[in-house]
Amino acid sequence: MKKILKHTLLFILVAFLVVWLGSLIKCEVLTMLHYDEFKATHLQNPMIGDIDYFKVIEYDKDTTAKVYYVGENKSGGFIMELKYIKSRNIWKETYWNGVWSGTGGTADNVLWPYWWHFIYIQ
């Protein structure tokens, strides 16, 4: 019985790691492919301010995207959902949310696959 439990727990851990690492790799690839498209879109929202870096979480064939921005000095984590306006050749913010904040406030969410970032909350 202990052997079955041990194997089950090991399987769950390995499955979690495979899914998580796959998600991280997907984000890294999307960020590399679309870096220039999203490096300045956070400027549409003055609440986000300056950033340390960003990751492209989702990208759907030049129509919609979800980008995760980490504020300067890890001041906060923000999600921006964007829609591509083909006639103007720009990405336009449709929604944003403060996922976590290192400077206070009520932003205390967790974001997949960057679930460990909430530890920046002080």
Protein backbone atom coordinates (compact mmCIF):
# COMPACT_ATOMS: atom_id res chain seq x y z
CA MET A 1 0.00 0.00 0.00
CA LYS A 2 2.84 2.40 0.85
CA LYS A 3 4.47 1.66 -2.49
CA ILE A 4 1.27 2.56 -4.39
CA LEU A 5 0.93 5.81 -2.41
CA LYS A 6 4.58 6.66 -3.05
CA HIS A 7 4.22 6.03 -6.80
CA THR A 8 0.97 8.01 -6.93
CA LEU A 9 2.57 11.00 -5.23
CA LEU A 10 5.60 10.78 -7.49
CA PHE A 11 3.34 10.63 -10.56
CA ILE A 12 1.40 13.71 -9.38
CA LEU A 13 4.64 15.62 -8.79
CA VAL A 14 6.08 14.68 -12.18
CA ALA A 15 2.79 15.53 -13.95
CA PHE A 16 2.71 18.95 -12.23
CA LEU A 17 6.32 19.65 -13.23
CA VAL A 18 5.73 18.61 -16.84
CA VAL A 19 2.64 20.82 -17.17
CA TRP A 20 4.30 23.75 -15.40
CA LEU A 21 7.55 23.58 -17.36
CA GLY A 22 5.59 23.21 -20.59
CA SER A 23 3.65 26.38 -19.75
CA LEU A 24 6.85 28.27 -18.92
CA ILE A 25 8.45 27.18 -22.18
CA LYS A 26 5.35 28.25 -24.11
CA CYS A 27 5.51 31.72 -22.49
CA GLU A 28 9.22 32.06 -23.21
CA VAL A 29 8.73 31.14 -26.86
CA LEU A 30 5.76 33.51 -27.25
CA THR A 31 7.75 36.30 -25.59
CA MET A 32 10.71 35.78 -27.91
CA LEU A 33 8.48 35.69 -31.00
CA HIS A 34 6.40 38.76 -30.08
CA TYR A 35 8.77 40.82 -27.94
CA ASP A 36 8.76 43.88 -30.21
CA GLU A 37 4.97 43.88 -30.47
CA PHE A 38 4.42 44.17 -26.71
CA LYS A 39 7.48 45.91 -25.30
CA ALA A 40 5.65 49.25 -25.08
CA THR A 41 1.96 48.34 -24.84
CA HIS A 42 2.04 48.75 -21.05
CA LEU A 43 2.41 52.49 -21.66
CA GLN A 44 -1.30 52.57 -22.58
CA ASN A 45 -2.04 52.09 -18.88
CA PRO A 46 -0.51 54.67 -16.53
CA MET A 47 -1.27 52.43 -13.52
CA ILE A 48 1.38 49.94 -14.63
CA GLY A 49 4.24 52.42 -14.90
CA ASP A 50 7.78 51.35 -15.68
CA ILE A 51 8.49 47.63 -15.92
CA ASP A 52 11.39 45.27 -15.27
CA TYR A 53 10.21 42.70 -17.81
CA PHE A 54 7.17 41.09 -19.39
CA LYS A 55 6.01 37.67 -20.59
CA VAL A 56 3.49 36.88 -23.30
CA ILE A 57 1.05 34.43 -21.70
CA GLU A 58 -1.34 33.95 -24.62
CA TYR A 59 -1.31 34.96 -28.27
CA ASP A 60 -4.05 34.23 -30.76
CA LYS A 61 -3.13 34.82 -34.42
CA ASP A 62 -2.93 38.63 -34.43
CA THR A 63 -6.35 39.02 -32.79
CA THR A 64 -5.92 38.83 -29.00
CA ALA A 65 -3.11 38.51 -26.51
CA LYS A 66 -2.54 38.35 -22.77
CA VAL A 67 0.70 39.85 -21.45
CA TYR A 68 2.11 39.74 -17.93
CA TYR A 69 4.12 42.81 -16.89
CA VAL A 70 6.30 42.95 -13.78
CA GLY A 71 6.69 46.49 -12.45
CA GLU A 72 10.00 48.19 -11.86
CA ASN A 73 11.82 46.83 -8.79
CA LYS A 74 9.16 44.08 -8.61
CA SER A 75 6.60 46.64 -7.47
CA GLY A 76 3.72 44.60 -8.87
CA GLY A 77 2.48 42.11 -11.41
CA PHE A 78 -0.08 43.15 -14.01
CA ILE A 79 -2.03 41.33 -16.69
CA MET A 80 -3.08 43.20 -19.81
CA GLU A 81 -5.48 41.69 -22.28
CA LEU A 82 -5.09 43.20 -25.72
CA LYS A 83 -6.94 43.18 -29.00
CA TYR A 84 -5.28 43.78 -32.34
CA ILE A 85 -6.81 46.65 -34.31
CA LYS A 86 -5.90 45.68 -37.85
CA SER A 87 -7.02 48.96 -39.47
CA ARG A 88 -4.61 50.93 -37.23
CA ASN A 89 -1.96 48.20 -36.93
CA ILE A 90 -1.87 48.49 -33.12
CA TRP A 91 -2.57 46.44 -30.01
CA LYS A 92 -5.25 48.06 -27.83
CA GLU A 93 -5.81 47.29 -24.16
CA THR A 94 -9.21 45.73 -23.47
CA TYR A 95 -8.69 44.75 -19.82
CA TRP A 96 -6.03 44.92 -17.13
CA ASN A 97 -5.69 43.58 -13.63
CA GLY A 98 -3.15 43.97 -10.85
CA VAL A 99 -2.30 40.38 -9.98
CA TRP A 100 0.03 41.07 -7.07
CA SER A 101 1.57 44.09 -5.41
CA GLY A 102 4.83 44.45 -3.56
CA THR A 103 3.87 47.90 -2.29
CA GLY A 104 0.52 47.15 -0.69
CA GLY A 105 -3.06 47.18 -1.80
CA THR A 106 -5.39 44.28 -2.43
CA ALA A 107 -3.75 42.62 -5.42
CA ASP A 108 -2.98 39.18 -4.03
CA ASN A 109 -3.75 36.76 -6.83
CA VAL A 110 -1.68 34.01 -8.36
CA LEU A 111 -0.94 33.77 -12.07
CA TRP A 112 -0.23 30.56 -13.96
CA PRO A 113 2.51 29.65 -14.83
CA TYR A 114 4.27 32.31 -12.73
CA TRP A 115 2.54 31.20 -9.52
CA TRP A 116 5.57 31.81 -7.29
CA HIS A 117 5.67 35.56 -8.01
CA PHE A 118 3.19 36.26 -5.24
CA ILE A 119 6.10 35.87 -2.78
CA TYR A 120 7.17 39.38 -3.82
CA ILE A 121 4.20 40.66 -1.81
CA GLN A 122 5.65 42.29 1.29
